[in-house]
């Protein structure tokens, strides 16, 4: 799942070398913390949050097929 998030986000941003995805386990839930360059945060979020919501939906569907739970958080510095 982590590789999927990295692949998709690197295709969206201007500075793909800065993209970092860190998985954190929290009581049976995996939270993927996504860090991007400050100028690229808007591209990941999208208009009215549609892009990040789509990423979360795809991530949850893929995780559900594997029998795990996960979500995606954008970490802003």
Protein backbone atom coordinates (compact mmCIF):
# COMPACT_ATOMS: atom_id res chain seq x y z
CA UNK A 1 0.00 0.00 0.00
CA UNK A 2 2.85 2.36 0.82
CA UNK A 3 4.41 1.86 -2.62
CA UNK A 4 1.04 2.57 -4.27
CA UNK A 5 0.66 5.89 -2.43
CA UNK A 6 4.23 6.92 -3.27
CA UNK A 7 3.77 6.04 -6.95
CA UNK A 8 0.54 8.00 -7.35
CA UNK A 9 1.66 11.06 -5.39
CA UNK A 10 5.01 11.27 -7.18
CA UNK A 11 3.06 11.50 -10.43
CA UNK A 12 1.05 14.45 -9.13
CA UNK A 13 3.73 16.72 -7.67
CA UNK A 14 6.50 18.90 -9.12
CA UNK A 15 9.15 17.65 -6.68
CA UNK A 16 8.75 13.86 -6.53
CA UNK A 17 12.10 13.35 -4.78
CA UNK A 18 10.72 15.08 -1.64
CA UNK A 19 7.69 12.75 -1.27
CA UNK A 20 7.79 10.58 1.86
CA UNK A 21 5.21 8.08 3.06
CA UNK A 22 5.60 6.78 6.62
CA UNK A 23 3.32 3.99 7.90
CA UNK A 24 2.29 4.22 11.55
CA UNK A 25 0.36 1.44 13.32
CA UNK A 26 -2.40 2.62 15.67
CA UNK A 27 -4.52 -0.13 17.19
CA UNK A 28 -5.15 -2.25 14.11
CA UNK A 29 -5.23 0.77 11.80
CA UNK A 30 -2.32 1.77 9.59
CA UNK A 31 -2.03 5.52 9.11
CA UNK A 32 0.12 6.53 6.16
CA UNK A 33 1.58 9.98 6.85
CA UNK A 34 2.35 11.73 3.58
CA UNK A 35 4.92 14.54 3.40
CA UNK A 36 5.42 16.63 0.26
CA UNK A 37 7.14 19.92 -0.60
CA UNK A 38 5.19 22.96 0.66
CA UNK A 39 4.34 24.07 -2.87
CA UNK A 40 2.97 20.64 -3.77
CA UNK A 41 0.48 20.28 -0.92
CA UNK A 42 -2.26 21.97 -2.92
CA UNK A 43 -1.81 19.54 -5.80
CA UNK A 44 -2.21 16.57 -3.48
CA UNK A 45 -5.26 18.07 -1.78
CA UNK A 46 -6.93 19.15 -5.01
CA UNK A 47 -9.89 21.44 -5.48
CA UNK A 48 -12.23 21.06 -2.49
CA UNK A 49 -10.16 18.07 -1.34
CA UNK A 50 -11.22 15.83 -4.18
CA UNK A 51 -7.76 14.47 -4.99
CA UNK A 52 -6.84 13.44 -1.46
CA UNK A 53 -10.31 11.97 -0.93
CA UNK A 54 -9.88 9.87 -4.09
CA UNK A 55 -6.47 8.69 -2.85
CA UNK A 56 -7.98 7.73 0.51
CA UNK A 57 -10.80 5.84 -1.19
CA UNK A 58 -8.44 3.86 -3.42
CA UNK A 59 -6.19 3.10 -0.47
CA UNK A 60 -9.09 1.87 1.64
CA UNK A 61 -10.46 -0.35 -1.14
CA UNK A 62 -7.05 -1.92 -1.72
CA UNK A 63 -6.55 -2.44 2.00
CA UNK A 64 -10.00 -3.96 2.39
CA UNK A 65 -9.16 -6.57 -0.24
CA UNK A 66 -6.11 -7.50 1.87
CA UNK A 67 -8.17 -7.57 5.05
CA UNK A 68 -6.50 -4.59 6.73
CA UNK A 69 -7.59 -1.08 7.66
CA UNK A 70 -5.71 2.06 6.69
CA UNK A 71 -6.04 5.76 6.02
CA UNK A 72 -3.95 8.60 4.59
CA UNK A 73 -2.96 11.84 6.34
CA UNK A 74 -1.14 14.76 4.73
CA UNK A 75 1.49 16.09 7.13
CA UNK A 76 2.30 19.75 6.63
CA UNK A 77 5.46 21.20 8.13
